[in-house]
Amino acid sequence: MTPSTPKKTIRLPLSVAEVDRAAHLRTDEKYLQKAWQNAFVLQFNDEKFVTNSHQLDIVLGSQLGDYKPESDYFLGINKLPNGVVENFFVRNLGVINSVIDPEQSLEPQESSAGKDESLKSLREIGAFLSPRDIGLAVHAQGLANWHKKHTRCSQCGAATTVISGGSVRKCLIDESEHYPRTDSAIIVLVKDDQDRVLLGRQKVWPKNRFSTFAGFVEPGESFEHCVVREVSEEAGVLLSSINYLGSQPWPFPSSLMIAFEAITTNPESARPDGEEIEEIRWFSRADMKAAIAGNSLILPLEISVARQMINSWYGDSAESDLKGNESWR
């Protein structure tokens, strides 16, 4: 295993962002209260955003009533050239917390989208969003998912409340503070000396759906050692070199994907583990193009790290040659 010089060579759609998270403002309750009225607010409910067509339906805070610290999370600011500061929040419409009056309504408010309003997941709209909005959506979903699943103190089990503009939860009994969790995971594009790529299919995926190999980093493990272990476990091959490509948040629910490419020294030994990975296949560019055209290959979503690694390996014609069925599972 010989790690090579780190460099980013792939486009990662969910890594782009233009809004300053402005962490120093999170603890300023007076600022947040004042900023809310004219702030731009995303609305999120149970893994989906309120949208207008394939765009986020962003409304003014004043349209949604008063600022509610338990459901309204500060996402950051954007300073315009004319000196105007834009503030951004997300309203977590599905929040359920013992601190909130259970009779208080947190149903989606009437939105400017009118009849075109709908709830859509980030998987559905991610490819259509601007860098500003994709950055906001990834941040918003990560926070909302965390709040939904961490309403209790991990130390004493008591209820927690939201502080610091939604970036922290505080125990109401022992006053311990709890922060959003991010799970590190590697994802790797395995190649051989003929520049073919090795893709695998999990048992739970639809027929013909193949992707790159991935797995969570274990305690005390480096990214590079995780790459070697996961590929060995899932595909049975050894690696001679590893190159870092980039990283991307994957808030489904709380991962950070660390992307690598690697070369195997024993491609003839490739085999599925039979547990998680049911089938593996080597693809040349001609093989992949033919499989897409013949509907015998389904690739991951365009917004995924896996798809962007595959596209980058394939080359400039990936956008036209690899168009076809795609799936997130």
Protein backbone atom coordinates (compact mmCIF):
# COMPACT_ATOMS: atom_id res chain seq x y z
CA MET A 1 0.00 0.00 0.00
CA THR A 2 1.62 3.26 -1.14
CA PRO A 3 -0.49 6.42 -0.63
CA SER A 4 0.20 8.93 -3.38
CA THR A 5 0.11 12.72 -3.38
CA PRO A 6 -3.32 14.02 -2.26
CA LYS A 7 -5.23 15.89 -4.93
CA LYS A 8 -8.86 16.51 -5.82
CA THR A 9 -9.72 15.44 -9.34
CA ILE A 10 -13.46 14.83 -9.21
CA ARG A 11 -16.54 17.00 -9.04
CA LEU A 12 -18.46 16.48 -5.78
CA PRO A 13 -21.92 18.10 -6.03
CA LEU A 14 -22.73 18.10 -2.30
CA SER A 15 -19.39 19.65 -1.32
CA VAL A 16 -20.07 23.05 -2.82
CA ALA A 17 -21.22 25.85 -0.50
CA GLU A 18 -21.34 29.63 -0.58
CA VAL A 19 -22.86 30.58 2.78
CA ASP A 20 -20.63 31.52 5.73
CA ARG A 21 -21.80 29.42 8.70
CA ALA A 22 -20.90 32.34 11.00
CA ALA A 23 -20.49 30.22 14.13
CA HIS A 24 -19.84 33.32 16.24
CA LEU A 25 -23.49 34.38 15.79
CA ARG A 26 -25.05 31.13 16.98
CA THR A 27 -24.94 32.07 20.65
CA ASP A 28 -26.30 35.59 20.10
CA GLU A 29 -30.01 35.05 20.80
CA LYS A 30 -30.82 38.73 20.26
CA TYR A 31 -29.23 38.61 16.83
CA LEU A 32 -31.08 35.42 15.87
CA GLN A 33 -34.43 36.79 17.04
CA LYS A 34 -33.95 40.00 15.06
CA ALA A 35 -32.52 38.29 11.98
CA TRP A 36 -35.40 35.80 11.73
CA GLN A 37 -38.02 38.20 10.42
CA ASN A 38 -36.16 39.00 7.19
CA ALA A 39 -34.17 35.78 7.00
CA PHE A 40 -34.44 33.29 4.15
CA VAL A 41 -35.87 30.06 5.55
CA LEU A 42 -35.83 26.51 4.18
CA GLN A 43 -38.54 24.14 5.43
CA PHE A 44 -37.72 20.49 6.15
CA ASN A 45 -40.02 17.67 7.18
CA ASP A 46 -39.15 13.99 7.60
CA GLU A 47 -36.32 13.70 5.05
CA LYS A 48 -37.95 16.10 2.57
CA PHE A 49 -37.83 19.80 1.76
CA VAL A 50 -40.70 22.06 0.82
CA THR A 51 -40.00 22.78 -2.84
CA ASN A 52 -41.30 24.61 -5.86
CA SER A 53 -40.72 22.27 -8.77
CA HIS A 54 -37.11 21.08 -8.29
CA GLN A 55 -35.97 24.12 -6.30
CA LEU A 56 -36.07 24.85 -2.59
CA ASP A 57 -39.09 26.96 -1.69
CA ILE A 58 -37.26 29.51 0.46
CA VAL A 59 -39.52 31.97 2.29
CA LEU A 60 -39.05 34.88 4.67
CA GLY A 61 -39.11 34.12 8.38
CA SER A 62 -41.93 36.65 8.83
CA GLN A 63 -44.16 34.43 6.68
CA LEU A 64 -43.73 31.59 9.17
CA GLY A 65 -44.51 33.51 12.37
CA ASP A 66 -42.21 33.89 15.35
CA TYR A 67 -38.72 32.46 15.69
CA LYS A 68 -38.82 29.13 17.59
CA PRO A 69 -35.39 28.03 18.90
CA GLU A 70 -36.49 24.40 19.17
CA SER A 71 -37.38 24.11 15.49
CA ASP A 72 -35.54 26.98 13.73
CA TYR A 73 -31.83 26.40 13.15
CA PHE A 74 -29.36 29.04 12.02
CA LEU A 75 -27.45 28.08 8.85
CA GLY A 76 -25.31 31.17 8.33
CA ILE A 77 -24.98 34.45 6.47
CA ASN A 78 -24.13 35.74 3.02
CA LYS A 79 -22.58 39.20 2.67
CA LEU A 80 -23.56 40.88 -0.59
CA PRO A 81 -21.28 43.33 -2.45
CA ASN A 82 -23.55 46.24 -1.41
CA GLY A 83 -23.00 45.44 2.27
CA VAL A 84 -26.37 43.79 2.88
CA VAL A 85 -26.19 40.66 5.05
CA GLU A 86 -28.54 37.79 4.20
CA ASN A 87 -29.41 35.37 7.01
CA PHE A 88 -30.41 31.76 6.46
CA PHE A 89 -32.33 29.34 8.68
CA VAL A 90 -34.15 26.04 8.35
CA ARG A 91 -37.47 25.32 10.06
CA ASN A 92 -37.66 21.69 11.14
CA LEU A 93 -41.38 21.08 10.63
CA GLY A 94 -41.31 17.55 11.98
CA VAL A 95 -39.51 18.25 15.24
CA ILE A 96 -40.87 16.41 18.30
CA ASN A 97 -39.29 17.42 21.60
CA SER A 98 -40.56 17.23 25.15
CA VAL A 99 -39.65 20.87 25.65
CA ILE A 100 -42.17 21.87 22.98
CA ASP A 101 -45.84 21.97 23.86
CA PRO A 102 -47.19 18.79 22.22
CA GLU A 103 -50.30 20.69 21.17
CA GLN A 104 -48.27 23.33 19.37
CA SER A 105 -48.60 23.00 15.61
CA LEU A 106 -45.43 22.61 13.60
CA GLU A 107 -47.17 21.63 10.38
CA PRO A 108 -45.87 23.14 7.13
CA GLN A 109 -46.94 26.75 6.76
CA GLU A 110 -48.55 28.16 3.65
CA SER A 111 -45.76 28.78 1.21
CA SER A 112 -45.19 31.07 -1.75
CA ALA A 113 -45.05 28.01 -4.00
CA GLY A 114 -48.83 27.79 -4.13
CA LYS A 115 -50.23 24.83 -6.05
CA ASP A 116 -46.75 23.80 -7.25
CA GLU A 117 -45.55 23.23 -3.69
CA SER A 118 -44.46 19.71 -2.84
CA LEU A 119 -42.19 17.81 -0.51
CA LYS A 120 -39.11 16.34 -2.20
CA SER A 121 -35.97 14.66 -0.92
CA LEU A 122 -32.45 15.95 -1.42
CA ARG A 123 -31.82 12.94 -3.63
CA GLU A 124 -34.57 14.16 -5.96
CA ILE A 125 -33.58 17.83 -6.16
CA GLY A 126 -29.84 17.86 -5.43
CA ALA A 127 -28.76 17.84 -9.07
CA PHE A 128 -30.89 20.92 -9.81
CA LEU A 129 -29.72 23.20 -6.98
CA SER A 130 -27.25 26.10 -7.10
CA PRO A 131 -24.04 25.90 -5.04
CA ARG A 132 -25.60 28.21 -2.44
CA ASP A 133 -28.74 26.12 -2.10
CA ILE A 134 -27.05 22.72 -2.12
CA GLY A 135 -24.77 23.88 0.69
CA LEU A 136 -27.76 25.12 2.68
CA ALA A 137 -29.74 21.93 2.06
CA VAL A 138 -26.93 19.60 3.15
CA HIS A 139 -26.37 21.63 6.34
CA ALA A 140 -30.11 21.83 7.05
CA GLN A 141 -30.78 18.14 6.56
CA GLY A 142 -27.81 17.11 8.67
CA LEU A 143 -29.00 19.28 11.57
CA ALA A 144 -32.64 18.25 11.30
CA ASN A 145 -31.80 14.55 11.21
CA TRP A 146 -29.56 14.89 14.25
CA HIS A 147 -32.15 16.77 16.31
CA LYS A 148 -34.80 14.20 15.50
CA LYS A 149 -32.69 11.30 16.77
CA HIS A 150 -30.96 12.89 19.75
CA THR A 151 -33.65 14.36 21.97
CA ARG A 152 -32.24 12.63 25.07
CA CYS A 153 -28.99 13.08 26.97
CA SER A 154 -26.52 10.25 26.27
CA GLN A 155 -25.14 10.57 29.81
CA CYS A 156 -28.26 10.54 32.00
CA GLY A 157 -31.19 9.97 29.64
CA ALA A 158 -32.95 13.23 30.47
CA ALA A 159 -34.54 15.50 27.88
CA THR A 160 -32.34 17.99 26.06
CA THR A 161 -33.12 21.40 24.65
CA VAL A 162 -31.77 23.27 21.63
CA ILE A 163 -29.16 26.02 22.11
CA SER A 164 -26.65 27.90 19.94
CA GLY A 165 -29.00 28.40 17.03
CA GLY A 166 -29.55 24.68 16.58
CA SER A 167 -25.90 23.60 16.57
CA VAL A 168 -25.94 22.19 20.12
CA ARG A 169 -28.34 20.38 22.47
CA LYS A 170 -28.09 20.84 26.25
CA CYS A 171 -29.28 18.43 28.93
CA LEU A 172 -31.95 19.92 31.18
CA ILE A 173 -30.65 17.97 34.19
CA ASP A 174 -26.86 17.61 34.13
CA GLU A 175 -26.34 20.55 31.69
CA SER A 176 -23.98 18.54 29.48
CA GLU A 177 -23.75 19.73 25.90
CA HIS A 178 -24.15 17.47 22.88
CA TYR A 179 -22.99 18.15 19.33
CA PRO A 180 -24.05 16.83 15.92
CA ARG A 181 -22.44 13.55 14.99
CA THR A 182 -20.74 12.87 11.67
CA ASP A 183 -19.76 9.31 10.74
CA SER A 184 -16.62 8.99 8.62
CA ALA A 185 -16.86 6.56 5.71
CA ILE A 186 -14.46 5.76 2.89
CA ILE A 187 -15.51 5.12 -0.69
CA VAL A 188 -13.07 3.79 -3.26
CA LEU A 189 -12.87 3.25 -7.01
CA VAL A 190 -10.79 0.09 -7.57
CA LYS A 191 -8.90 -0.21 -10.87
CA ASP A 192 -6.53 -2.75 -12.40
CA ASP A 193 -3.43 -2.29 -14.59
CA GLN A 194 -5.65 -2.25 -17.69
CA ASP A 195 -7.58 0.71 -16.27
CA ARG A 196 -10.76 -1.30 -15.81
CA VAL A 197 -12.92 -0.54 -12.77
CA LEU A 198 -14.36 -3.05 -10.32
CA LEU A 199 -17.95 -2.49 -9.19
CA GLY A 200 -20.07 -4.49 -6.78
CA ARG A 201 -23.76 -5.09 -6.15
CA GLN A 202 -25.29 -5.41 -2.69
CA LYS A 203 -28.03 -7.96 -2.07
CA VAL A 204 -30.53 -5.26 -1.07
CA TRP A 205 -30.10 -3.31 -4.32
CA PRO A 206 -32.26 -3.61 -7.45
CA LYS A 207 -31.12 -6.01 -10.16
CA ASN A 208 -28.21 -4.64 -12.24
CA ARG A 209 -27.45 -1.83 -9.76
CA PHE A 210 -23.66 -1.65 -9.26
CA SER A 211 -21.45 0.83 -7.44
CA THR A 212 -18.02 1.39 -5.93
CA PHE A 213 -16.98 -0.06 -2.57
CA ALA A 214 -17.52 1.81 0.69
CA GLY A 215 -17.58 1.33 4.43
CA PHE A 216 -17.42 3.09 7.79
CA VAL A 217 -14.10 3.86 9.46
CA GLU A 218 -13.65 1.82 12.63
CA PRO A 219 -12.25 3.16 15.94
CA GLY A 220 -8.49 3.68 15.79
CA GLU A 221 -8.37 3.15 12.02
CA SER A 222 -6.91 5.52 9.42
CA PHE A 223 -8.73 6.24 6.17
CA GLU A 224 -6.08 4.40 4.16
CA HIS A 225 -6.24 1.27 6.32
CA CYS A 226 -10.03 1.36 6.11
CA VAL A 227 -9.78 1.42 2.30
CA VAL A 228 -7.53 -1.65 2.31
CA ARG A 229 -9.71 -3.53 4.81
CA GLU A 230 -13.05 -2.80 3.14
CA VAL A 231 -11.85 -3.73 -0.35
CA SER A 232 -10.25 -6.91 0.95
CA GLU A 233 -13.40 -7.89 2.86
CA GLU A 234 -15.91 -7.06 0.14
CA ALA A 235 -13.99 -7.86 -3.06
CA GLY A 236 -11.03 -10.04 -2.04
CA VAL A 237 -8.31 -7.99 -3.75
CA LEU A 238 -5.16 -6.30 -2.48
CA LEU A 239 -4.17 -2.70 -3.21
CA SER A 240 -0.80 -1.33 -4.33
CA SER A 241 -1.51 2.41 -4.28
CA ILE A 242 -4.16 4.75 -2.91
CA ASN A 243 -4.93 8.27 -4.08
CA TYR A 244 -7.14 10.70 -2.20
CA LEU A 245 -9.78 12.34 -4.44
CA GLY A 246 -11.95 14.48 -2.17
CA SER A 247 -14.69 14.45 0.44
CA GLN A 248 -18.42 15.08 0.45
CA PRO A 249 -21.09 15.23 3.16
CA TRP A 250 -23.76 12.56 2.75
CA PRO A 251 -26.58 13.47 5.17
CA PHE A 252 -28.49 10.18 4.83
CA PRO A 253 -28.42 10.46 7.78
CA SER A 254 -24.99 11.72 8.94
CA SER A 255 -21.97 10.55 6.95
CA LEU A 256 -18.90 12.23 5.51
CA MET A 257 -17.65 10.32 2.47
CA ILE A 258 -13.86 10.30 1.99
CA ALA A 259 -13.15 9.37 -1.63
CA PHE A 260 -10.15 7.43 -2.93
CA GLU A 261 -9.03 5.57 -6.02
CA ALA A 262 -6.77 2.53 -5.75
CA ILE A 263 -4.95 -0.01 -7.93
CA THR A 264 -5.21 -3.71 -7.22
CA THR A 265 -2.25 -6.08 -7.62
CA ASN A 266 -4.34 -9.24 -7.95
CA PRO A 267 -7.42 -8.51 -10.10
CA GLU A 268 -7.84 -12.20 -10.88
CA SER A 269 -8.69 -12.82 -7.20
CA ALA A 270 -11.71 -10.53 -7.19
CA ARG A 271 -14.78 -12.18 -5.69
CA PRO A 272 -17.85 -11.01 -3.74
CA ASP A 273 -17.93 -11.67 0.00
CA GLY A 274 -21.34 -13.33 -0.40
CA GLU A 275 -22.78 -11.47 2.57
CA GLU A 276 -23.00 -7.76 1.81
CA ILE A 277 -21.73 -7.94 -1.77
CA GLU A 278 -23.52 -10.48 -3.93
CA GLU A 279 -21.90 -9.86 -7.32
CA ILE A 280 -18.88 -8.01 -8.70
CA ARG A 281 -17.95 -7.13 -12.27
CA TRP A 282 -14.95 -5.63 -14.04
CA PHE A 283 -15.79 -2.90 -16.57
CA SER A 284 -13.75 -1.36 -19.35
CA ARG A 285 -15.16 1.85 -20.80
CA ALA A 286 -16.55 -0.09 -23.75
CA ASP A 287 -18.12 -2.65 -21.40
CA MET A 288 -19.79 0.06 -19.35
CA LYS A 289 -21.13 1.92 -22.37
CA ALA A 290 -22.58 -1.29 -23.78
CA ALA A 291 -24.10 -2.29 -20.44
CA ILE A 292 -25.81 1.10 -20.08
CA ALA A 293 -27.12 0.94 -23.63
CA GLY A 294 -28.38 -2.60 -23.06
CA ASN A 295 -30.06 -1.72 -19.72
CA SER A 296 -27.95 -4.28 -17.87
CA LEU A 297 -26.27 -1.71 -15.62
CA ILE A 298 -27.77 0.83 -13.21
CA LEU A 299 -25.38 3.40 -11.76
CA PRO A 300 -25.64 5.52 -8.59
CA LEU A 301 -27.23 8.97 -8.55
CA GLU A 302 -25.39 11.89 -10.16
CA ILE A 303 -25.07 13.65 -6.77
CA SER A 304 -23.23 10.69 -5.22
CA VAL A 305 -19.48 10.39 -4.80
CA ALA A 306 -19.58 6.96 -6.44
CA ARG A 307 -21.14 8.30 -9.64
CA GLN A 308 -18.72 11.21 -9.87
CA MET A 309 -15.74 8.89 -9.45
CA ILE A 310 -17.09 6.66 -12.21
CA ASN A 311 -17.78 9.65 -14.47
CA SER A 312 -14.28 11.05 -13.89
CA TRP A 313 -12.67 7.70 -14.75
CA TYR A 314 -14.85 7.27 -17.85
CA GLY A 315 -13.96 10.66 -19.30
CA ASP A 316 -15.58 13.63 -21.03
CA SER A 317 -18.27 11.60 -22.77
CA ALA A 318 -19.66 10.17 -19.51
CA GLU A 319 -22.54 12.64 -19.50
CA SER A 320 -23.83 11.30 -22.81
CA ASP A 321 -22.62 7.68 -22.79
CA LEU A 322 -23.69 6.80 -19.24
CA LYS A 323 -27.15 8.31 -19.30
CA GLY A 324 -29.75 5.76 -18.31
CA ASN A 325 -31.37 4.31 -15.24
CA GLU A 326 -29.88 5.46 -11.97
CA SER A 327 -30.71 4.59 -8.40
CA TRP A 328 -29.62 5.68 -4.93
CA ARG A 329 -29.88 2.10 -3.63
